[in-house]
């Protein structure tokens, strides 16, 4: 009887474990990573904080989740997936639907201490354009963000 119960539990839980392994980061992962990034910047300063966030093998990279820091003018100050974006002003960048998501993000950052934002973006893992939800927190004159693909 016990082996039947173990087999049943394994059969029910194994697909969930596989889905979690393949599914990427969660909303909870994004929220906690952003909070950790904000704390790291506060504790270590902008230079060290931005360098660590931009380190692709650092502590702010988990599955398909990475952090990005924008100045409230739309300039990328740190980027966990593409260091070539650092220093670029992306205020007019639009997604495939024409949504000026960076402009919207910095405007939301000016108005709110924290928020979620939806848009479409290329997943660096799959190289496909996918729906994305970005969690952001304002820190001084910046927004620190981490997103998940849906």
N, C-alpha and C. Protein backbone atom coordinates (compact mmCIF):
# COMPACT_ATOMS: atom_id res chain seq x y z
N UNK A 1 0.82 -1.19 0.00
CA UNK A 1 0.00 0.00 0.00
C UNK A 1 0.87 1.27 0.00
N UNK A 2 1.96 1.21 0.80
CA UNK A 2 2.84 2.38 0.91
C UNK A 2 3.49 2.68 -0.44
N UNK A 3 3.92 1.63 -1.16
CA UNK A 3 4.58 1.85 -2.46
C UNK A 3 3.60 2.43 -3.48
N UNK A 4 2.33 2.08 -3.37
CA UNK A 4 1.32 2.63 -4.26
C UNK A 4 1.14 4.13 -3.96
N UNK A 5 1.13 4.50 -2.69
CA UNK A 5 1.00 5.91 -2.30
C UNK A 5 2.20 6.72 -2.78
N UNK A 6 3.40 6.16 -2.62
CA UNK A 6 4.62 6.84 -3.07
C UNK A 6 4.58 7.02 -4.59
N UNK A 7 4.17 5.99 -5.30
CA UNK A 7 4.07 6.07 -6.76
C UNK A 7 3.05 7.13 -7.18
N UNK A 8 1.93 7.18 -6.48
CA UNK A 8 0.89 8.15 -6.81
C UNK A 8 1.37 9.58 -6.56
N UNK A 9 2.01 9.81 -5.41
CA UNK A 9 2.53 11.14 -5.10
C UNK A 9 3.59 11.54 -6.12
N UNK A 10 4.48 10.62 -6.46
CA UNK A 10 5.52 10.90 -7.46
C UNK A 10 4.89 11.24 -8.80
N UNK A 11 3.89 10.49 -9.21
CA UNK A 11 3.23 10.74 -10.49
C UNK A 11 2.56 12.11 -10.51
N UNK A 12 2.02 12.53 -9.38
CA UNK A 12 1.35 13.82 -9.31
C UNK A 12 2.33 14.99 -9.22
N UNK A 13 3.42 14.82 -8.50
CA UNK A 13 4.34 15.93 -8.27
C UNK A 13 5.43 16.08 -9.32
N UNK A 14 5.83 15.02 -9.98
CA UNK A 14 6.91 15.10 -10.97
C UNK A 14 6.61 16.10 -12.08
N UNK A 15 5.41 16.11 -12.67
CA UNK A 15 5.15 17.11 -13.71
C UNK A 15 5.28 18.55 -13.19
N UNK A 16 4.90 18.78 -11.94
CA UNK A 16 5.03 20.13 -11.37
C UNK A 16 6.49 20.51 -11.21
N UNK A 17 7.33 19.57 -10.81
CA UNK A 17 8.75 19.85 -10.66
C UNK A 17 9.39 20.15 -12.01
N UNK A 18 9.01 19.39 -13.03
CA UNK A 18 9.54 19.62 -14.38
C UNK A 18 9.08 20.99 -14.88
N UNK A 19 7.80 21.32 -14.66
CA UNK A 19 7.29 22.61 -15.10
C UNK A 19 8.02 23.75 -14.41
N UNK A 20 8.27 23.62 -13.10
CA UNK A 20 8.98 24.67 -12.37
C UNK A 20 10.40 24.83 -12.89
N UNK A 21 11.05 23.71 -13.21
CA UNK A 21 12.42 23.77 -13.71
C UNK A 21 12.48 24.44 -15.08
N UNK A 22 11.46 24.23 -15.90
CA UNK A 22 11.46 24.79 -17.25
C UNK A 22 10.82 26.17 -17.32
N UNK A 23 10.00 26.51 -16.34
CA UNK A 23 9.14 27.67 -16.43
C UNK A 23 9.80 29.02 -16.23
N UNK A 24 10.96 29.08 -15.67
CA UNK A 24 11.60 30.36 -15.43
C UNK A 24 11.20 30.96 -14.10
N UNK A 25 11.64 32.17 -13.88
CA UNK A 25 11.43 32.86 -12.61
C UNK A 25 9.96 33.21 -12.41
N UNK A 26 9.60 33.42 -11.16
CA UNK A 26 8.23 33.74 -10.77
C UNK A 26 8.11 35.20 -10.34
N UNK A 27 6.88 35.66 -10.12
CA UNK A 27 6.66 37.01 -9.61
C UNK A 27 7.36 37.20 -8.27
N UNK A 28 7.30 36.18 -7.43
CA UNK A 28 7.95 36.24 -6.13
C UNK A 28 9.47 36.37 -6.28
N UNK A 29 10.04 35.63 -7.25
CA UNK A 29 11.48 35.74 -7.52
C UNK A 29 11.84 37.16 -7.94
N UNK A 30 11.04 37.75 -8.82
CA UNK A 30 11.32 39.10 -9.31
C UNK A 30 11.23 40.12 -8.18
N UNK A 31 10.19 40.03 -7.38
CA UNK A 31 10.01 40.97 -6.28
C UNK A 31 11.18 40.89 -5.30
N UNK A 32 11.54 39.66 -4.91
CA UNK A 32 12.62 39.52 -3.94
C UNK A 32 13.96 39.92 -4.53
N UNK A 33 14.20 39.65 -5.81
CA UNK A 33 15.47 40.03 -6.43
C UNK A 33 15.59 41.56 -6.51
N UNK A 34 14.52 42.25 -6.87
CA UNK A 34 14.55 43.72 -6.93
C UNK A 34 14.84 44.28 -5.54
N UNK A 35 14.16 43.76 -4.52
CA UNK A 35 14.39 44.23 -3.16
C UNK A 35 15.84 43.98 -2.73
N UNK A 36 16.37 42.83 -3.11
CA UNK A 36 17.77 42.50 -2.80
C UNK A 36 18.71 43.48 -3.53
N UNK A 37 18.40 43.78 -4.79
CA UNK A 37 19.22 44.72 -5.56
C UNK A 37 19.20 46.12 -4.97
N UNK A 38 18.01 46.59 -4.58
CA UNK A 38 17.89 47.91 -3.95
C UNK A 38 18.72 47.94 -2.67
N UNK A 39 18.60 46.90 -1.86
CA UNK A 39 19.37 46.82 -0.62
C UNK A 39 20.87 46.81 -0.86
N UNK A 40 21.29 46.09 -1.91
CA UNK A 40 22.71 46.01 -2.25
C UNK A 40 23.25 47.38 -2.66
N UNK A 41 22.49 48.10 -3.48
CA UNK A 41 22.91 49.44 -3.90
C UNK A 41 23.00 50.37 -2.69
N UNK A 42 22.00 50.32 -1.83
CA UNK A 42 22.00 51.16 -0.63
C UNK A 42 23.20 50.86 0.26
N UNK A 43 23.53 49.58 0.41
CA UNK A 43 24.61 49.16 1.31
C UNK A 43 26.00 49.38 0.71
N UNK A 44 26.14 49.28 -0.62
CA UNK A 44 27.46 49.27 -1.25
C UNK A 44 27.73 50.45 -2.17
N UNK A 45 26.73 51.29 -2.40
CA UNK A 45 26.89 52.43 -3.29
C UNK A 45 26.55 52.08 -4.73
N UNK A 46 26.35 53.12 -5.53
CA UNK A 46 25.92 52.96 -6.91
C UNK A 46 26.96 52.23 -7.76
N UNK A 47 28.23 52.63 -7.67
CA UNK A 47 29.24 52.03 -8.54
C UNK A 47 29.33 50.52 -8.35
N UNK A 48 29.48 50.10 -7.11
CA UNK A 48 29.58 48.66 -6.83
C UNK A 48 28.25 47.96 -7.13
N UNK A 49 27.14 48.62 -6.78
CA UNK A 49 25.82 48.03 -7.02
C UNK A 49 25.54 47.83 -8.50
N UNK A 50 25.79 48.86 -9.30
CA UNK A 50 25.53 48.74 -10.74
C UNK A 50 26.45 47.71 -11.38
N UNK A 51 27.70 47.64 -10.93
CA UNK A 51 28.64 46.65 -11.48
C UNK A 51 28.17 45.23 -11.17
N UNK A 52 27.68 45.01 -9.95
CA UNK A 52 27.22 43.67 -9.59
C UNK A 52 25.94 43.31 -10.35
N UNK A 53 25.04 44.26 -10.50
CA UNK A 53 23.81 44.01 -11.25
C UNK A 53 24.12 43.70 -12.71
N UNK A 54 25.14 44.33 -13.27
CA UNK A 54 25.51 44.13 -14.67
C UNK A 54 26.37 42.90 -14.89
N UNK A 55 26.78 42.22 -13.84
CA UNK A 55 27.59 41.01 -13.92
C UNK A 55 26.68 39.83 -14.26
N UNK A 56 26.83 39.29 -15.47
CA UNK A 56 25.95 38.21 -15.93
C UNK A 56 26.06 36.94 -15.08
N UNK A 57 27.16 36.77 -14.35
CA UNK A 57 27.31 35.59 -13.51
C UNK A 57 27.21 35.95 -12.03
N UNK A 58 26.74 37.15 -11.73
CA UNK A 58 26.65 37.62 -10.35
C UNK A 58 25.37 37.17 -9.66
N UNK A 59 25.17 37.72 -8.49
CA UNK A 59 24.06 37.31 -7.63
C UNK A 59 22.69 37.80 -8.10
N UNK A 60 22.67 38.68 -9.09
CA UNK A 60 21.39 39.24 -9.56
C UNK A 60 20.97 38.65 -10.90
N UNK A 61 21.32 37.38 -11.11
CA UNK A 61 20.89 36.63 -12.30
C UNK A 61 20.37 35.29 -11.81
N UNK A 62 19.13 34.97 -12.16
CA UNK A 62 18.52 33.71 -11.76
C UNK A 62 17.61 33.25 -12.89
N UNK A 63 17.92 32.11 -13.49
CA UNK A 63 17.17 31.59 -14.63
C UNK A 63 17.06 32.69 -15.68
N UNK A 64 15.82 33.09 -16.05
CA UNK A 64 15.64 34.15 -17.05
C UNK A 64 15.43 35.52 -16.41
N UNK A 65 15.67 35.62 -15.11
CA UNK A 65 15.49 36.86 -14.36
C UNK A 65 16.82 37.59 -14.20
N UNK A 66 16.81 38.87 -14.47
CA UNK A 66 17.97 39.74 -14.27
C UNK A 66 17.45 41.12 -13.92
N UNK A 67 18.32 41.96 -13.38
CA UNK A 67 17.91 43.31 -13.01
C UNK A 67 18.38 44.33 -14.03
N UNK A 68 17.65 45.44 -14.10
CA UNK A 68 18.00 46.60 -14.92
C UNK A 68 17.75 47.83 -14.05
N UNK A 69 18.65 48.81 -14.13
CA UNK A 69 18.46 50.07 -13.42
C UNK A 69 18.38 51.19 -14.45
N UNK A 70 17.30 51.97 -14.39
CA UNK A 70 17.10 53.12 -15.28
C UNK A 70 17.15 54.40 -14.46
N UNK A 71 17.80 55.43 -15.02
CA UNK A 71 17.62 56.77 -14.49
C UNK A 71 16.23 57.23 -14.87
N UNK A 72 15.69 58.20 -14.17
CA UNK A 72 14.33 58.66 -14.46
C UNK A 72 14.24 59.43 -15.78
N UNK A 73 15.36 59.58 -16.48
CA UNK A 73 15.36 60.15 -17.83
C UNK A 73 15.35 59.06 -18.90
N UNK A 74 15.37 57.78 -18.49
CA UNK A 74 15.36 56.66 -19.44
C UNK A 74 16.73 56.09 -19.76
N UNK A 75 17.79 56.58 -19.12
CA UNK A 75 19.14 56.08 -19.37
C UNK A 75 19.38 54.80 -18.56
N UNK A 76 19.93 53.79 -19.23
CA UNK A 76 20.25 52.53 -18.56
C UNK A 76 21.54 52.72 -17.75
N UNK A 77 21.45 52.45 -16.46
CA UNK A 77 22.60 52.60 -15.57
C UNK A 77 23.24 51.26 -15.24
N UNK A 78 22.46 50.19 -15.32
CA UNK A 78 22.96 48.83 -15.10
C UNK A 78 22.03 47.88 -15.84
N UNK A 79 22.60 46.79 -16.37
CA UNK A 79 21.78 45.83 -17.14
C UNK A 79 22.37 44.44 -16.98
N UNK A 80 21.59 43.55 -16.40
CA UNK A 80 22.07 42.20 -16.12
C UNK A 80 22.11 41.26 -17.29
N UNK A 81 21.56 41.62 -18.44
CA UNK A 81 21.56 40.72 -19.59
C UNK A 81 22.33 41.27 -20.78
N UNK A 82 22.52 42.59 -20.86
CA UNK A 82 23.16 43.16 -22.04
C UNK A 82 23.92 44.44 -21.65
N UNK A 83 25.19 44.28 -21.37
CA UNK A 83 26.01 45.42 -20.94
C UNK A 83 26.15 46.50 -22.01
N UNK A 84 25.85 46.17 -23.26
CA UNK A 84 25.91 47.16 -24.34
C UNK A 84 24.84 48.24 -24.18
N UNK A 85 23.82 47.97 -23.38
CA UNK A 85 22.74 48.94 -23.16
C UNK A 85 23.12 50.01 -22.14
N UNK A 86 24.13 49.74 -21.32
CA UNK A 86 24.52 50.68 -20.26
C UNK A 86 24.97 52.00 -20.87
N UNK A 87 24.40 53.07 -20.36
CA UNK A 87 24.72 54.41 -20.83
C UNK A 87 23.82 54.91 -21.95
N UNK A 88 22.98 54.02 -22.49
CA UNK A 88 22.07 54.42 -23.56
C UNK A 88 20.75 54.93 -22.99
N UNK A 89 20.25 55.98 -23.61
CA UNK A 89 18.93 56.49 -23.23
C UNK A 89 17.90 55.80 -24.11
N UNK A 90 17.04 55.02 -23.49
CA UNK A 90 16.05 54.21 -24.21
C UNK A 90 14.63 54.73 -24.04
N UNK A 91 14.48 55.99 -23.70
CA UNK A 91 13.18 56.57 -23.39
C UNK A 91 12.16 56.35 -24.51
N UNK A 92 12.60 56.32 -25.75
CA UNK A 92 11.68 56.17 -26.88
C UNK A 92 11.57 54.73 -27.40
N UNK A 93 12.20 53.77 -26.70
CA UNK A 93 12.14 52.36 -27.12
C UNK A 93 10.71 51.85 -27.00
N UNK A 94 10.27 51.15 -28.04
CA UNK A 94 8.91 50.61 -28.07
C UNK A 94 8.95 49.10 -28.25
N UNK A 95 7.93 48.44 -27.72
CA UNK A 95 7.83 47.00 -27.94
C UNK A 95 7.15 46.75 -29.29
N UNK A 96 6.92 45.49 -29.62
CA UNK A 96 6.37 45.15 -30.93
C UNK A 96 4.97 45.69 -31.16
N UNK A 97 4.28 46.03 -30.08
CA UNK A 97 2.93 46.59 -30.19
C UNK A 97 2.94 48.12 -30.22
N UNK A 98 4.15 48.71 -30.22
CA UNK A 98 4.26 50.16 -30.26
C UNK A 98 4.19 50.84 -28.90
N UNK A 99 4.23 50.07 -27.85
CA UNK A 99 4.17 50.61 -26.49
C UNK A 99 5.54 51.16 -26.09
N UNK A 100 5.59 52.44 -25.74
CA UNK A 100 6.84 53.08 -25.29
C UNK A 100 7.06 52.67 -23.82
N UNK A 101 7.53 51.44 -23.63
CA UNK A 101 7.56 50.86 -22.29
C UNK A 101 8.59 51.49 -21.36
N UNK A 102 9.69 51.98 -21.88
CA UNK A 102 10.67 52.64 -21.02
C UNK A 102 10.11 53.98 -20.53
N UNK A 103 9.52 54.73 -21.44
CA UNK A 103 8.89 56.00 -21.05
C UNK A 103 7.82 55.75 -19.97
N UNK A 104 6.96 54.76 -20.22
CA UNK A 104 5.93 54.42 -19.25
C UNK A 104 6.56 54.02 -17.91
N UNK A 105 7.62 53.23 -17.97
CA UNK A 105 8.29 52.75 -16.75
C UNK A 105 8.83 53.90 -15.91
N UNK A 106 9.53 54.84 -16.55
CA UNK A 106 10.09 55.94 -15.76
C UNK A 106 9.00 56.87 -15.25
N UNK A 107 7.91 57.04 -16.02
CA UNK A 107 6.79 57.85 -15.54
C UNK A 107 6.13 57.18 -14.33
N UNK A 108 5.97 55.87 -14.39
CA UNK A 108 5.42 55.14 -13.26
C UNK A 108 6.37 55.25 -12.06
N UNK A 109 7.68 55.20 -12.33
CA UNK A 109 8.67 55.32 -11.27
C UNK A 109 8.64 56.68 -10.59
N UNK A 110 8.30 57.71 -11.35
CA UNK A 110 8.18 59.05 -10.76
C UNK A 110 6.96 59.14 -9.86
N UNK A 111 5.91 58.39 -10.20
CA UNK A 111 4.63 58.50 -9.50
C UNK A 111 4.45 57.49 -8.36
N UNK A 112 5.14 56.35 -8.43
CA UNK A 112 4.91 55.28 -7.46
C UNK A 112 6.23 54.76 -6.89
N UNK A 113 6.19 54.30 -5.65
CA UNK A 113 7.38 53.72 -5.02
C UNK A 113 7.70 52.33 -5.58
N UNK A 114 6.66 51.61 -5.99
CA UNK A 114 6.85 50.29 -6.60
C UNK A 114 5.65 49.99 -7.49
N UNK A 115 5.87 49.14 -8.51
CA UNK A 115 4.79 48.85 -9.46
C UNK A 115 5.17 47.66 -10.33
N UNK A 116 4.15 47.08 -10.97
CA UNK A 116 4.31 46.07 -12.01
C UNK A 116 3.95 46.71 -13.35
N UNK A 117 4.64 46.30 -14.40
CA UNK A 117 4.38 46.82 -15.74
C UNK A 117 4.40 45.66 -16.74
N UNK A 118 3.44 45.64 -17.66
CA UNK A 118 3.38 44.60 -18.69
C UNK A 118 3.76 45.16 -20.05
N UNK A 119 4.51 44.37 -20.81
CA UNK A 119 4.90 44.73 -22.18
C UNK A 119 5.43 43.47 -22.85
N UNK A 120 5.95 43.58 -24.04
CA UNK A 120 6.53 42.43 -24.75
C UNK A 120 8.00 42.70 -24.99
N UNK A 121 8.82 41.63 -24.84
CA UNK A 121 10.26 41.80 -24.96
C UNK A 121 10.89 40.49 -25.38
N UNK A 122 12.08 40.56 -25.97
CA UNK A 122 12.79 39.35 -26.38
C UNK A 122 13.39 38.67 -25.16
N UNK A 123 13.00 37.43 -24.95
CA UNK A 123 13.54 36.62 -23.86
C UNK A 123 14.97 36.22 -24.24
N UNK A 124 15.97 36.58 -23.41
CA UNK A 124 17.35 36.24 -23.76
C UNK A 124 17.62 34.74 -23.76
N UNK A 125 16.78 33.97 -23.09
CA UNK A 125 16.95 32.52 -23.05
C UNK A 125 16.40 31.85 -24.32
N UNK A 126 15.19 32.26 -24.75
CA UNK A 126 14.54 31.62 -25.90
C UNK A 126 14.76 32.37 -27.21
N UNK A 127 15.18 33.64 -27.10
CA UNK A 127 15.37 34.54 -28.26
C UNK A 127 14.05 34.84 -28.96
N UNK A 128 12.93 34.64 -28.27
CA UNK A 128 11.61 34.92 -28.83
C UNK A 128 10.98 36.10 -28.11
N UNK A 129 10.14 36.86 -28.83
CA UNK A 129 9.40 37.95 -28.21
C UNK A 129 8.27 37.34 -27.41
N UNK A 130 8.21 37.68 -26.12
CA UNK A 130 7.24 37.09 -25.21
C UNK A 130 6.63 38.18 -24.32
N UNK A 131 5.42 37.92 -23.80
CA UNK A 131 4.86 38.85 -22.81
C UNK A 131 5.75 38.85 -21.57
N UNK A 132 5.96 40.03 -21.02
CA UNK A 132 6.82 40.16 -19.85
C UNK A 132 6.15 41.06 -18.82
N UNK A 133 6.35 40.74 -17.57
CA UNK A 133 5.88 41.57 -16.46
C UNK A 133 7.12 42.03 -15.69
N UNK A 134 7.25 43.32 -15.51
CA UNK A 134 8.42 43.89 -14.86
C UNK A 134 8.01 44.50 -13.51
N UNK A 135 8.69 44.07 -12.45
CA UNK A 135 8.49 44.67 -11.13
C UNK A 135 9.59 45.70 -10.91
N UNK A 136 9.22 46.90 -10.48
CA UNK A 136 10.18 47.99 -10.30
C UNK A 136 9.97 48.66 -8.96
N UNK A 137 11.08 49.14 -8.40
CA UNK A 137 11.05 49.98 -7.20
C UNK A 137 11.89 51.22 -7.46
N UNK A 138 11.36 52.36 -7.04
CA UNK A 138 12.12 53.61 -7.16
C UNK A 138 13.19 53.64 -6.08
N UNK A 139 14.38 54.08 -6.46
CA UNK A 139 15.48 54.30 -5.52
C UNK A 139 16.12 55.62 -5.90
N UNK A 140 15.89 56.64 -5.12
CA UNK A 140 16.37 58.00 -5.40
C UNK A 140 15.87 58.43 -6.79
N UNK A 141 16.76 58.72 -7.70
CA UNK A 141 16.37 59.17 -9.05
C UNK A 141 16.48 58.03 -10.07
N UNK A 142 16.23 56.79 -9.62
CA UNK A 142 16.30 55.62 -10.50
C UNK A 142 15.12 54.70 -10.24
N UNK A 143 14.93 53.74 -11.15
CA UNK A 143 14.04 52.61 -10.90
C UNK A 143 14.86 51.34 -11.11
N UNK A 144 14.75 50.44 -10.15
CA UNK A 144 15.43 49.14 -10.19
C UNK A 144 14.36 48.14 -10.55
N UNK A 145 14.59 47.38 -11.61
CA UNK A 145 13.54 46.50 -12.15
C UNK A 145 14.05 45.10 -12.42
N UNK A 146 13.14 44.14 -12.28
CA UNK A 146 13.41 42.76 -12.64
C UNK A 146 12.13 42.17 -13.20
N UNK A 147 12.24 41.44 -14.31
CA UNK A 147 11.03 40.97 -14.98
C UNK A 147 10.98 39.48 -15.18
N UNK A 148 9.76 39.03 -15.37
CA UNK A 148 9.52 37.61 -15.64
C UNK A 148 8.79 37.49 -16.97
N UNK A 149 9.05 36.42 -17.65
CA UNK A 149 8.35 36.12 -18.90
C UNK A 149 7.15 35.25 -18.58
N UNK A 150 6.01 35.56 -19.21
CA UNK A 150 4.77 34.84 -18.91
C UNK A 150 4.54 33.69 -19.86
